[in-house]
Amino acid sequence: MTPSFLQPHCSFLINIVLFLTLFLIPTQVNSDAKSYKSCAPFTCGNFTNITYPFWNINDQPSYCGHPNFTLDCQRNNLTIDINSQKFHIIDMNQTSQLLKIARLDLWSYDAANVTSCPNTNVSLNLDFFKYTSNDENYNLLSDCDTLPTNSYGSPLSSEVSQEIYCLIDSKPQDAYLVLNTKMADFTNLECKNNIKVYGPKSSIIEDSDTRVVNVLKEGFEVGWSVVEEDICNYCKKYGGRCGYNTTKNAFMCICPNQLSFGDCGFCRQNSTTAIWPDESGCIGSKLFKSATPSPLSEPSYGETPVQAFVPAFDSDSKKSPYASSMYSSFP
């Protein structure tokens, strides 16, 4: 029999346990379930089942993806910010980890609505995005002298990949998109503005069914390196969804009904029984460390572009996810 002087203390402890059971624990479960649901794969226009490391800034919390893979879906058009530049996503292959993109101001150029000539180079964050061997180096020349002409027309006009009109000091002028390998022929044109632009290889353009190709709208191909790809796969294997803790600047596993477990980010199999998978493989291979490869250079101007970026082989398939280019499926 419990001594009378202990009864108030026991009652107090029982009340605390009941409070935790009825309120705090269900709140945690509901919170986890809500976070898990918020990070479900999403759709934008023709792009479906978009998942980590990408996240939708319009509909999802920031922890659903990595901050360098923030997507904006507006009227079924998908854009991504890279190096403080906004790119239109033309195509996406999450299996091969390839994007086909074009900087928005170049992609949306409209001859009927002439805007100022671009004055900044196209650039990538090379810690996360890589040019591929299917990319070509171009120069967009503006504020130039008039193309020289003779009785047969301009000898340089055939070397211009695309001609656009843009504003210099509020006045419309010609601007010329030229392959970097042809730039030596344009040195006497004395152009005041010369920016670096990327597009598909000239061989890809020549294989096109159409004679006139809008190179700026064609865009260029980039590969991306997934942050903590291996540990993300473990997280998904055991019922979680991949996310990113911006406060700790680290990967996190989002589980449907409880917090993740251990360094590998596993989820409990159910809420009542703790069934943990073996972590030895994860810890032994240090999968919880950064899996981001060191950056590669951008394509060298005047030289052959770098080889397509190839991430580490998958430990199960022994095959690179960059097996083929997206350009092979484009018209």
C-alpha atoms as a PDB file:
ATOM      1  CA  MET A   1       0.000   0.000   0.000  1.00  0.00           C
ATOM      2  CA  THR A   2       1.364   3.406  -0.989  1.00  0.00           C
ATOM      3  CA  PRO A   3       2.124   5.642   2.003  1.00  0.00           C
ATOM      4  CA  SER A   4      -0.208   8.619   2.208  1.00  0.00           C
ATOM      5  CA  PHE A   5       2.606  11.162   1.948  1.00  0.00           C
ATOM      6  CA  LEU A   6       3.603   9.712  -1.487  1.00  0.00           C
ATOM      7  CA  GLN A   7       0.102   9.735  -2.981  1.00  0.00           C
ATOM      8  CA  PRO A   8       0.155  13.392  -4.173  1.00  0.00           C
ATOM      9  CA  HIS A   9       3.519  12.837  -5.828  1.00  0.00           C
ATOM     10  CA  CYS A  10       2.300   9.682  -7.584  1.00  0.00           C
ATOM     11  CA  SER A  11      -0.802  11.466  -8.791  1.00  0.00           C
ATOM     12  CA  PHE A  12       1.356  14.261 -10.144  1.00  0.00           C
ATOM     13  CA  LEU A  13       3.616  11.827 -12.026  1.00  0.00           C
ATOM     14  CA  ILE A  14       0.629   9.952 -13.448  1.00  0.00           C
ATOM     15  CA  ASN A  15      -0.845  13.216 -14.710  1.00  0.00           C
ATOM     16  CA  ILE A  16       2.433  14.109 -16.379  1.00  0.00           C
ATOM     17  CA  VAL A  17       2.592  10.722 -18.149  1.00  0.00           C
ATOM     18  CA  LEU A  18      -1.013  11.030 -19.291  1.00  0.00           C
ATOM     19  CA  PHE A  19      -0.363  14.540 -20.563  1.00  0.00           C
ATOM     20  CA  LEU A  20       2.648  13.413 -22.586  1.00  0.00           C
ATOM     21  CA  THR A  21       0.774  10.423 -23.959  1.00  0.00           C
ATOM     22  CA  LEU A  22      -2.379  12.289 -24.933  1.00  0.00           C
ATOM     23  CA  PHE A  23      -0.930  15.541 -26.204  1.00  0.00           C
ATOM     24  CA  LEU A  24       2.781  15.694 -26.883  1.00  0.00           C
ATOM     25  CA  ILE A  25       3.310  12.325 -28.566  1.00  0.00           C
ATOM     26  CA  PRO A  26       0.304  12.595 -30.934  1.00  0.00           C
ATOM     27  CA  THR A  27       1.413  16.134 -31.754  1.00  0.00           C
ATOM     28  CA  GLN A  28       4.835  14.822 -32.749  1.00  0.00           C
ATOM     29  CA  VAL A  29       3.270  12.080 -34.850  1.00  0.00           C
ATOM     30  CA  ASN A  30       0.890  14.508 -36.532  1.00  0.00           C
ATOM     31  CA  SER A  31       3.733  16.953 -37.129  1.00  0.00           C
ATOM     32  CA  ASP A  32       5.885  14.253 -38.740  1.00  0.00           C
ATOM     33  CA  ALA A  33       2.964  13.051 -40.846  1.00  0.00           C
ATOM     34  CA  LYS A  34       2.296  16.605 -42.032  1.00  0.00           C
ATOM     35  CA  SER A  35       5.952  17.184 -42.928  1.00  0.00           C
ATOM     36  CA  TYR A  36       6.076  13.867 -44.779  1.00  0.00           C
ATOM     37  CA  LYS A  37       2.945  14.739 -46.760  1.00  0.00           C
ATOM     38  CA  SER A  38       4.219  18.247 -47.550  1.00  0.00           C
ATOM     39  CA  CYS A  39       7.313  16.784 -49.221  1.00  0.00           C
ATOM     40  CA  ALA A  40       5.433  14.451 -51.572  1.00  0.00           C
ATOM     41  CA  PRO A  41       6.573  14.413 -55.230  1.00  0.00           C
ATOM     42  CA  PHE A  42       4.994  17.272 -57.185  1.00  0.00           C
ATOM     43  CA  THR A  43       4.020  18.118 -60.765  1.00  0.00           C
ATOM     44  CA  CYS A  44       4.553  21.243 -62.848  1.00  0.00           C
ATOM     45  CA  GLY A  45       3.190  21.237 -66.392  1.00  0.00           C
ATOM     46  CA  ASN A  46       4.656  18.262 -68.240  1.00  0.00           C
ATOM     47  CA  PHE A  47       7.109  17.508 -65.440  1.00  0.00           C
ATOM     48  CA  THR A  48       5.854  14.886 -63.006  1.00  0.00           C
ATOM     49  CA  ASN A  49       7.085  13.132 -59.867  1.00  0.00           C
ATOM     50  CA  ILE A  50       9.669  15.828 -59.067  1.00  0.00           C
ATOM     51  CA  THR A  51      11.502  14.960 -55.838  1.00  0.00           C
ATOM     52  CA  TYR A  52      14.547  15.777 -53.717  1.00  0.00           C
ATOM     53  CA  PRO A  53      16.908  17.545 -54.123  1.00  0.00           C
ATOM     54  CA  PHE A  54      14.361  19.756 -55.912  1.00  0.00           C
ATOM     55  CA  TRP A  55      11.511  21.437 -54.065  1.00  0.00           C
ATOM     56  CA  ASN A  56       8.669  23.757 -55.082  1.00  0.00           C
ATOM     57  CA  ILE A  57       9.021  27.192 -53.500  1.00  0.00           C
ATOM     58  CA  ASN A  58       5.312  27.878 -54.098  1.00  0.00           C
ATOM     59  CA  ASP A  59       3.804  24.858 -52.344  1.00  0.00           C
ATOM     60  CA  GLN A  60       6.432  23.172 -50.176  1.00  0.00           C
ATOM     61  CA  PRO A  61       8.418  23.995 -47.022  1.00  0.00           C
ATOM     62  CA  SER A  62      12.103  24.695 -47.600  1.00  0.00           C
ATOM     63  CA  TYR A  63      13.152  21.485 -45.809  1.00  0.00           C
ATOM     64  CA  CYS A  64      11.713  19.402 -48.684  1.00  0.00           C
ATOM     65  CA  GLY A  65      14.791  20.065 -50.822  1.00  0.00           C
ATOM     66  CA  HIS A  66      18.245  21.553 -50.996  1.00  0.00           C
ATOM     67  CA  PRO A  67      18.483  25.374 -51.170  1.00  0.00           C
ATOM     68  CA  ASN A  68      20.472  25.181 -54.431  1.00  0.00           C
ATOM     69  CA  PHE A  69      17.670  23.220 -56.111  1.00  0.00           C
ATOM     70  CA  THR A  70      14.762  25.600 -55.560  1.00  0.00           C
ATOM     71  CA  LEU A  71      12.131  25.395 -58.321  1.00  0.00           C
ATOM     72  CA  ASP A  72       9.460  27.954 -59.164  1.00  0.00           C
ATOM     73  CA  CYS A  73       6.366  26.743 -61.011  1.00  0.00           C
ATOM     74  CA  GLN A  74       4.408  29.576 -62.632  1.00  0.00           C
ATOM     75  CA  ARG A  75       1.656  28.851 -65.172  1.00  0.00           C
ATOM     76  CA  ASN A  76       3.138  25.382 -65.792  1.00  0.00           C
ATOM     77  CA  ASN A  77       6.570  26.863 -66.572  1.00  0.00           C
ATOM     78  CA  LEU A  78       9.403  25.600 -64.373  1.00  0.00           C
ATOM     79  CA  THR A  79      12.411  27.750 -63.494  1.00  0.00           C
ATOM     80  CA  ILE A  80      15.440  27.367 -61.233  1.00  0.00           C
ATOM     81  CA  ASP A  81      17.816  29.959 -59.774  1.00  0.00           C
ATOM     82  CA  ILE A  82      21.515  29.175 -60.273  1.00  0.00           C
ATOM     83  CA  ASN A  83      24.230  31.665 -59.347  1.00  0.00           C
ATOM     84  CA  SER A  84      21.575  34.375 -58.930  1.00  0.00           C
ATOM     85  CA  GLN A  85      20.434  33.801 -62.527  1.00  0.00           C
ATOM     86  CA  LYS A  86      17.017  32.434 -63.424  1.00  0.00           C
ATOM     87  CA  PHE A  87      16.914  29.532 -65.884  1.00  0.00           C
ATOM     88  CA  HIS A  88      13.938  28.086 -67.716  1.00  0.00           C
ATOM     89  CA  ILE A  89      13.864  24.287 -67.488  1.00  0.00           C
ATOM     90  CA  ILE A  90      13.239  22.824 -70.932  1.00  0.00           C
ATOM     91  CA  ASP A  91      13.580  19.179 -69.947  1.00  0.00           C
ATOM     92  CA  MET A  92      14.435  17.137 -66.870  1.00  0.00           C
ATOM     93  CA  ASN A  93      15.612  13.543 -66.498  1.00  0.00           C
ATOM     94  CA  GLN A  94      15.822  12.615 -62.826  1.00  0.00           C
ATOM     95  CA  THR A  95      17.112   9.117 -63.587  1.00  0.00           C
ATOM     96  CA  SER A  96      20.096  10.411 -65.566  1.00  0.00           C
ATOM     97  CA  GLN A  97      20.354  13.534 -63.378  1.00  0.00           C
ATOM     98  CA  LEU A  98      20.287  15.835 -66.390  1.00  0.00           C
ATOM     99  CA  LEU A  99      18.599  19.152 -67.016  1.00  0.00           C
ATOM    100  CA  LYS A 100      18.180  21.037 -70.262  1.00  0.00           C
ATOM    101  CA  ILE A 101      18.025  24.724 -69.393  1.00  0.00           C
ATOM    102  CA  ALA A 102      18.237  28.207 -70.911  1.00  0.00           C
ATOM    103  CA  ARG A 103      18.707  31.459 -69.069  1.00  0.00           C
ATOM    104  CA  LEU A 104      15.268  33.008 -68.871  1.00  0.00           C
ATOM    105  CA  ASP A 105      16.102  36.390 -70.404  1.00  0.00           C
ATOM    106  CA  LEU A 106      17.675  34.657 -73.428  1.00  0.00           C
ATOM    107  CA  TRP A 107      15.057  31.930 -73.741  1.00  0.00           C
ATOM    108  CA  SER A 108      12.156  34.407 -73.587  1.00  0.00           C
ATOM    109  CA  TYR A 109      13.608  36.811 -76.162  1.00  0.00           C
ATOM    110  CA  ASP A 110      10.775  38.090 -78.363  1.00  0.00           C
ATOM    111  CA  ALA A 111      11.454  40.087 -81.532  1.00  0.00           C
ATOM    112  CA  ALA A 112       8.050  41.735 -81.150  1.00  0.00           C
ATOM    113  CA  ASN A 113       8.940  42.961 -77.649  1.00  0.00           C
ATOM    114  CA  VAL A 114      12.574  44.061 -77.829  1.00  0.00           C
ATOM    115  CA  THR A 115      14.395  44.387 -74.493  1.00  0.00           C
ATOM    116  CA  SER A 116      17.852  45.525 -73.440  1.00  0.00           C
ATOM    117  CA  CYS A 117      20.813  43.542 -74.694  1.00  0.00           C
ATOM    118  CA  PRO A 118      22.065  40.993 -72.139  1.00  0.00           C
ATOM    119  CA  ASN A 119      25.269  42.110 -70.424  1.00  0.00           C
ATOM    120  CA  THR A 120      26.175  39.257 -68.040  1.00  0.00           C
ATOM    121  CA  ASN A 121      27.757  35.893 -68.783  1.00  0.00           C
ATOM    122  CA  VAL A 122      25.787  32.696 -68.331  1.00  0.00           C
ATOM    123  CA  SER A 123      27.286  30.844 -65.369  1.00  0.00           C
ATOM    124  CA  LEU A 124      26.635  27.844 -63.118  1.00  0.00           C
ATOM    125  CA  ASN A 125      27.341  26.949 -59.508  1.00  0.00           C
ATOM    126  CA  LEU A 126      29.942  24.298 -60.309  1.00  0.00           C
ATOM    127  CA  ASP A 127      29.656  22.756 -56.851  1.00  0.00           C
ATOM    128  CA  PHE A 128      26.287  21.320 -57.884  1.00  0.00           C
ATOM    129  CA  PHE A 129      25.882  21.670 -61.677  1.00  0.00           C
ATOM    130  CA  LYS A 130      28.198  20.589 -64.485  1.00  0.00           C
ATOM    131  CA  TYR A 131      28.362  21.382 -68.176  1.00  0.00           C
ATOM    132  CA  THR A 132      28.377  18.310 -70.395  1.00  0.00           C
ATOM    133  CA  SER A 133      30.182  17.361 -73.579  1.00  0.00           C
ATOM    134  CA  ASN A 134      26.986  18.164 -75.492  1.00  0.00           C
ATOM    135  CA  ASP A 135      27.390  21.883 -74.723  1.00  0.00           C
ATOM    136  CA  GLU A 136      28.902  24.400 -77.108  1.00  0.00           C
ATOM    137  CA  ASN A 137      30.496  27.766 -76.312  1.00  0.00           C
ATOM    138  CA  TYR A 138      28.920  30.810 -77.939  1.00  0.00           C
ATOM    139  CA  ASN A 139      29.502  34.546 -77.727  1.00  0.00           C
ATOM    140  CA  LEU A 140      26.645  37.035 -77.938  1.00  0.00           C
ATOM    141  CA  LEU A 141      28.039  40.216 -79.507  1.00  0.00           C
ATOM    142  CA  SER A 142      26.198  43.522 -79.272  1.00  0.00           C
ATOM    143  CA  ASP A 143      26.848  47.225 -79.745  1.00  0.00           C
ATOM    144  CA  CYS A 144      28.943  46.330 -82.787  1.00  0.00           C
ATOM    145  CA  ASP A 145      29.882  47.913 -86.079  1.00  0.00           C
ATOM    146  CA  THR A 146      27.710  46.891 -89.006  1.00  0.00           C
ATOM    147  CA  LEU A 147      28.614  43.571 -90.590  1.00  0.00           C
ATOM    148  CA  PRO A 148      30.860  44.182 -93.604  1.00  0.00           C
ATOM    149  CA  THR A 149      29.235  43.597 -96.985  1.00  0.00           C
ATOM    150  CA  ASN A 150      30.360  43.080-100.547  1.00  0.00           C
ATOM    151  CA  SER A 151      28.651  42.332-103.848  1.00  0.00           C
ATOM    152  CA  TYR A 152      27.872  38.831-102.579  1.00  0.00           C
ATOM    153  CA  GLY A 153      26.546  39.959 -99.208  1.00  0.00           C
ATOM    154  CA  SER A 154      28.241  39.756 -95.798  1.00  0.00           C
ATOM    155  CA  PRO A 155      31.077  37.236 -95.628  1.00  0.00           C
ATOM    156  CA  LEU A 156      30.424  36.946 -91.892  1.00  0.00           C
ATOM    157  CA  SER A 157      26.685  36.473 -92.027  1.00  0.00           C
ATOM    158  CA  SER A 158      27.060  32.758 -92.738  1.00  0.00           C
ATOM    159  CA  GLU A 159      29.099  32.400 -89.551  1.00  0.00           C
ATOM    160  CA  VAL A 160      26.408  33.949 -87.336  1.00  0.00           C
ATOM    161  CA  SER A 161      24.461  31.177 -85.606  1.00  0.00           C
ATOM    162  CA  GLN A 162      21.583  33.493 -84.700  1.00  0.00           C
ATOM    163  CA  GLU A 163      20.833  37.194 -85.036  1.00  0.00           C
ATOM    164  CA  ILE A 164      18.593  39.069 -82.616  1.00  0.00           C
ATOM    165  CA  TYR A 165      17.576  42.645 -81.982  1.00  0.00           C
ATOM    166  CA  CYS A 166      18.028  44.241 -78.592  1.00  0.00           C
ATOM    167  CA  LEU A 167      18.230  47.728 -77.100  1.00  0.00           C
ATOM    168  CA  ILE A 168      21.448  49.708 -76.593  1.00  0.00           C
ATOM    169  CA  ASP A 169      20.758  53.118 -75.017  1.00  0.00           C
ATOM    170  CA  SER A 170      17.066  52.570 -75.811  1.00  0.00           C
ATOM    171  CA  LYS A 171      17.840  52.070 -79.500  1.00  0.00           C
ATOM    172  CA  PRO A 172      17.286  48.700 -81.240  1.00  0.00           C
ATOM    173  CA  GLN A 173      20.463  47.207 -82.664  1.00  0.00           C
ATOM    174  CA  ASP A 174      21.616  43.937 -84.146  1.00  0.00           C
ATOM    175  CA  ALA A 175      23.263  41.382 -81.862  1.00  0.00           C
ATOM    176  CA  TYR A 176      25.081  38.319 -83.156  1.00  0.00           C
ATOM    177  CA  LEU A 177      25.363  34.863 -81.617  1.00  0.00           C
ATOM    178  CA  VAL A 178      28.658  33.388 -82.780  1.00  0.00           C
ATOM    179  CA  LEU A 179      30.412  30.115 -82.067  1.00  0.00           C
ATOM    180  CA  ASN A 180      33.490  30.714 -79.966  1.00  0.00           C
ATOM    181  CA  THR A 181      35.591  28.899 -82.565  1.00  0.00           C
ATOM    182  CA  LYS A 182      34.551  31.590 -85.106  1.00  0.00           C
ATOM    183  CA  MET A 183      35.382  34.573 -82.907  1.00  0.00           C
ATOM    184  CA  ALA A 184      38.706  35.287 -84.612  1.00  0.00           C
ATOM    185  CA  ASP A 185      36.787  36.312 -87.734  1.00  0.00           C
ATOM    186  CA  PHE A 186      34.822  38.922 -85.770  1.00  0.00           C
ATOM    187  CA  THR A 187      37.715  40.745 -84.092  1.00  0.00           C
ATOM    188  CA  ASN A 188      37.504  43.653 -86.550  1.00  0.00           C
ATOM    189  CA  LEU A 189      33.811  44.153 -85.819  1.00  0.00           C
ATOM    190  CA  GLU A 190      34.733  46.055 -82.638  1.00  0.00           C
ATOM    191  CA  CYS A 191      31.797  44.961 -80.476  1.00  0.00           C
ATOM    192  CA  LYS A 192      31.586  46.689 -77.104  1.00  0.00           C
ATOM    193  CA  ASN A 193      29.586  43.898 -75.442  1.00  0.00           C
ATOM    194  CA  ASN A 194      30.619  40.258 -75.549  1.00  0.00           C
ATOM    195  CA  ILE A 195      29.004  37.764 -73.174  1.00  0.00           C
ATOM    196  CA  LYS A 196      29.453  34.017 -72.793  1.00  0.00           C
ATOM    197  CA  VAL A 197      26.430  31.897 -73.689  1.00  0.00           C
ATOM    198  CA  TYR A 198      26.002  28.120 -73.936  1.00  0.00           C
ATOM    199  CA  GLY A 199      23.950  26.087 -76.351  1.00  0.00           C
ATOM    200  CA  PRO A 200      23.818  22.691 -78.035  1.00  0.00           C
ATOM    201  CA  LYS A 201      26.722  21.499 -80.129  1.00  0.00           C
ATOM    202  CA  SER A 202      26.654  22.677 -83.730  1.00  0.00           C
ATOM    203  CA  SER A 203      26.367  19.030 -84.830  1.00  0.00           C
ATOM    204  CA  ILE A 204      23.099  18.749 -82.898  1.00  0.00           C
ATOM    205  CA  ILE A 205      21.788  21.874 -84.621  1.00  0.00           C
ATOM    206  CA  GLU A 206      22.864  20.600 -88.054  1.00  0.00           C
ATOM    207  CA  ASP A 207      20.921  17.394 -87.464  1.00  0.00           C
ATOM    208  CA  SER A 208      17.747  19.361 -86.793  1.00  0.00           C
ATOM    209  CA  ASP A 209      14.829  18.939 -89.192  1.00  0.00           C
ATOM    210  CA  THR A 210      14.447  22.714 -89.424  1.00  0.00           C
ATOM    211  CA  ARG A 211      16.923  25.015 -91.118  1.00  0.00           C
ATOM    212  CA  VAL A 212      16.423  27.961 -88.780  1.00  0.00           C
ATOM    213  CA  VAL A 213      17.232  27.055 -85.189  1.00  0.00           C
ATOM    214  CA  ASN A 214      16.707  29.404 -82.266  1.00  0.00           C
ATOM    215  CA  VAL A 215      19.876  28.479 -80.404  1.00  0.00           C
ATOM    216  CA  LEU A 216      18.978  30.612 -77.388  1.00  0.00           C
ATOM    217  CA  LYS A 217      15.698  28.729 -76.990  1.00  0.00           C
ATOM    218  CA  GLU A 218      17.408  25.372 -77.473  1.00  0.00           C
ATOM    219  CA  GLY A 219      19.327  25.896 -74.244  1.00  0.00           C
ATOM    220  CA  PHE A 220      22.124  23.653 -73.027  1.00  0.00           C
ATOM    221  CA  GLU A 221      22.540  20.499 -70.983  1.00  0.00           C
ATOM    222  CA  VAL A 222      23.776  20.263 -67.394  1.00  0.00           C
ATOM    223  CA  GLY A 223      24.237  17.398 -64.983  1.00  0.00           C
ATOM    224  CA  TRP A 224      23.625  17.800 -61.281  1.00  0.00           C
ATOM    225  CA  SER A 225      25.181  16.101 -58.282  1.00  0.00           C
ATOM    226  CA  VAL A 226      22.672  15.043 -55.631  1.00  0.00           C
ATOM    227  CA  VAL A 227      23.476  16.088 -52.089  1.00  0.00           C
ATOM    228  CA  GLU A 228      23.903  12.982 -49.886  1.00  0.00           C
ATOM    229  CA  GLU A 229      22.585  10.687 -52.616  1.00  0.00           C
ATOM    230  CA  ASP A 230      23.508   7.435 -50.869  1.00  0.00           C
ATOM    231  CA  ILE A 231      22.007   8.305 -47.504  1.00  0.00           C
ATOM    232  CA  CYS A 232      18.911   9.604 -49.319  1.00  0.00           C
ATOM    233  CA  ASN A 233      18.510   6.194 -50.937  1.00  0.00           C
ATOM    234  CA  TYR A 234      18.732   4.562 -47.499  1.00  0.00           C
ATOM    235  CA  CYS A 235      16.140   6.983 -46.171  1.00  0.00           C
ATOM    236  CA  LYS A 236      13.699   6.137 -48.978  1.00  0.00           C
ATOM    237  CA  LYS A 237      14.415   2.415 -48.677  1.00  0.00           C
ATOM    238  CA  TYR A 238      13.200   2.429 -45.092  1.00  0.00           C
ATOM    239  CA  GLY A 239      10.071   4.483 -45.624  1.00  0.00           C
ATOM    240  CA  GLY A 240      11.269   8.083 -45.425  1.00  0.00           C
ATOM    241  CA  ARG A 241      11.468  11.064 -47.751  1.00  0.00           C
ATOM    242  CA  CYS A 242      14.632  13.044 -48.297  1.00  0.00           C
ATOM    243  CA  GLY A 243      14.903  16.583 -47.002  1.00  0.00           C
ATOM    244  CA  TYR A 244      17.408  19.212 -45.937  1.00  0.00           C
ATOM    245  CA  ASN A 245      17.905  20.951 -42.608  1.00  0.00           C
ATOM    246  CA  THR A 246      19.002  24.467 -43.552  1.00  0.00           C
ATOM    247  CA  THR A 247      19.709  25.364 -39.923  1.00  0.00           C
ATOM    248  CA  LYS A 248      22.253  22.556 -39.547  1.00  0.00           C
ATOM    249  CA  ASN A 249      23.179  22.663 -43.251  1.00  0.00           C
ATOM    250  CA  ALA A 250      22.753  18.902 -43.417  1.00  0.00           C
ATOM    251  CA  PHE A 251      20.616  16.186 -44.998  1.00  0.00           C
ATOM    252  CA  MET A 252      17.642  14.918 -42.990  1.00  0.00           C
ATOM    253  CA  CYS A 253      15.266  12.003 -43.393  1.00  0.00           C
ATOM    254  CA  ILE A 254      11.566  12.871 -43.075  1.00  0.00           C
ATOM    255  CA  CYS A 255       9.569   9.948 -41.685  1.00  0.00           C
ATOM    256  CA  PRO A 256       5.775   9.507 -41.879  1.00  0.00           C
ATOM    257  CA  ASN A 257       5.105   9.066 -38.142  1.00  0.00           C
ATOM    258  CA  GLN A 258       8.254   9.617 -36.095  1.00  0.00           C
ATOM    259  CA  LEU A 259      11.729  11.081 -36.124  1.00  0.00           C
ATOM    260  CA  SER A 260      14.479   9.456 -38.114  1.00  0.00           C
ATOM    261  CA  PHE A 261      16.876   7.136 -36.320  1.00  0.00           C
ATOM    262  CA  GLY A 262      20.670   7.133 -36.282  1.00  0.00           C
ATOM    263  CA  ASP A 263      23.279   8.599 -38.569  1.00  0.00           C
ATOM    264  CA  CYS A 264      21.814   6.917 -41.625  1.00  0.00           C
ATOM    265  CA  GLY A 265      18.400   8.507 -41.234  1.00  0.00           C
ATOM    266  CA  PHE A 266      16.348   5.323 -41.052  1.00  0.00           C
ATOM    267  CA  CYS A 267      12.664   5.402 -40.148  1.00  0.00           C
ATOM    268  CA  ARG A 268      10.936   3.053 -37.712  1.00  0.00           C
ATOM    269  CA  GLN A 269       8.997   0.298 -39.421  1.00  0.00           C
ATOM    270  CA  ASN A 270       5.958   1.112 -37.282  1.00  0.00           C
ATOM    271  CA  SER A 271       5.084   3.297 -34.317  1.00  0.00           C
ATOM    272  CA  THR A 272       5.007   0.548 -31.668  1.00  0.00           C
ATOM    273  CA  THR A 273       7.919  -1.746 -32.504  1.00  0.00           C
ATOM    274  CA  ALA A 274      11.465  -0.519 -32.970  1.00  0.00           C
ATOM    275  CA  ILE A 275      12.770  -2.503 -35.938  1.00  0.00           C
ATOM    276  CA  TRP A 276      16.108  -1.072 -36.952  1.00  0.00           C
ATOM    277  CA  PRO A 277      17.971  -2.130 -40.121  1.00  0.00           C
ATOM    278  CA  ASP A 278      21.673  -2.777 -39.894  1.00  0.00           C
ATOM    279  CA  GLU A 279      23.576   0.515 -39.962  1.00  0.00           C
ATOM    280  CA  SER A 280      27.020  -1.012 -40.329  1.00  0.00           C
ATOM    281  CA  GLY A 281      27.109  -0.609 -44.110  1.00  0.00           C
ATOM    282  CA  CYS A 282      26.051   3.005 -43.916  1.00  0.00           C
ATOM    283  CA  ILE A 283      28.481   3.981 -41.190  1.00  0.00           C
ATOM    284  CA  GLY A 284      31.282   1.888 -42.641  1.00  0.00           C
ATOM    285  CA  SER A 285      31.078   3.687 -45.978  1.00  0.00           C
ATOM    286  CA  LYS A 286      30.536   7.065 -44.274  1.00  0.00           C
ATOM    287  CA  LEU A 287      27.407   7.711 -46.281  1.00  0.00           C
ATOM    288  CA  PHE A 288      26.425  10.425 -43.869  1.00  0.00           C
ATOM    289  CA  LYS A 289      29.384  12.480 -45.069  1.00  0.00           C
ATOM    290  CA  SER A 290      29.091  14.844 -48.018  1.00  0.00           C
ATOM    291  CA  ALA A 291      28.752  12.970 -51.305  1.00  0.00           C
ATOM    292  CA  THR A 292      29.202  16.060 -53.480  1.00  0.00           C
ATOM    293  CA  PRO A 293      32.091  15.577 -55.892  1.00  0.00           C
ATOM    294  CA  SER A 294      34.680  18.281 -56.448  1.00  0.00           C
ATOM    295  CA  PRO A 295      33.695  20.820 -59.116  1.00  0.00           C
ATOM    296  CA  LEU A 296      34.737  20.540 -62.757  1.00  0.00           C
ATOM    297  CA  SER A 297      35.663  23.462 -64.964  1.00  0.00           C
ATOM    298  CA  GLU A 298      33.224  25.118 -67.318  1.00  0.00           C
ATOM    299  CA  PRO A 299      33.835  24.476 -71.037  1.00  0.00           C
ATOM    300  CA  SER A 300      37.065  26.187 -72.089  1.00  0.00           C
ATOM    301  CA  TYR A 301      36.585  28.921 -74.629  1.00  0.00           C
ATOM    302  CA  GLY A 302      38.476  28.135 -77.782  1.00  0.00           C
ATOM    303  CA  GLU A 303      38.822  24.456 -76.839  1.00  0.00           C
ATOM    304  CA  THR A 304      36.658  21.376 -76.886  1.00  0.00           C
ATOM    305  CA  PRO A 305      34.146  21.482 -73.993  1.00  0.00           C
ATOM    306  CA  VAL A 306      34.851  19.256 -71.025  1.00  0.00           C
ATOM    307  CA  GLN A 307      33.650  15.685 -71.021  1.00  0.00           C
ATOM    308  CA  ALA A 308      30.143  15.117 -69.702  1.00  0.00           C
ATOM    309  CA  PHE A 309      30.117  15.089 -65.906  1.00  0.00           C
ATOM    310  CA  VAL A 310      29.848  11.523 -64.584  1.00  0.00           C
ATOM    311  CA  PRO A 311      29.141  11.020 -60.865  1.00  0.00           C
ATOM    312  CA  ALA A 312      30.295   8.051 -58.845  1.00  0.00           C
ATOM    313  CA  PHE A 313      29.011   4.673 -60.004  1.00  0.00           C
ATOM    314  CA  ASP A 314      25.989   3.305 -58.233  1.00  0.00           C
ATOM    315  CA  SER A 315      27.151   0.598 -55.844  1.00  0.00           C
ATOM    316  CA  ASP A 316      24.356  -1.769 -56.855  1.00  0.00           C
ATOM    317  CA  SER A 317      24.110  -1.367 -60.613  1.00  0.00           C
ATOM    318  CA  LYS A 318      27.772  -0.430 -61.261  1.00  0.00           C
ATOM    319  CA  LYS A 319      26.429   1.843 -63.986  1.00  0.00           C
ATOM    320  CA  SER A 320      26.635   5.584 -64.247  1.00  0.00           C
ATOM    321  CA  PRO A 321      23.269   7.378 -64.215  1.00  0.00           C
ATOM    322  CA  TYR A 322      24.680   9.541 -67.029  1.00  0.00           C
ATOM    323  CA  ALA A 323      24.463   6.675 -69.497  1.00  0.00           C
ATOM    324  CA  SER A 324      22.996   8.792 -72.276  1.00  0.00           C
ATOM    325  CA  SER A 325      22.295  12.393 -73.120  1.00  0.00           C
ATOM    326  CA  MET A 326      18.844  13.914 -73.117  1.00  0.00           C
ATOM    327  CA  TYR A 327      19.619  15.480 -76.482  1.00  0.00           C
ATOM    328  CA  SER A 328      19.306  12.046 -78.083  1.00  0.00           C
ATOM    329  CA  SER A 329      15.560  12.182 -77.444  1.00  0.00           C
ATOM    330  CA  PHE A 330      15.052  15.801 -78.498  1.00  0.00           C
ATOM    331  CA  PRO A 331      13.910  16.727 -82.000  1.00  0.00           C
END
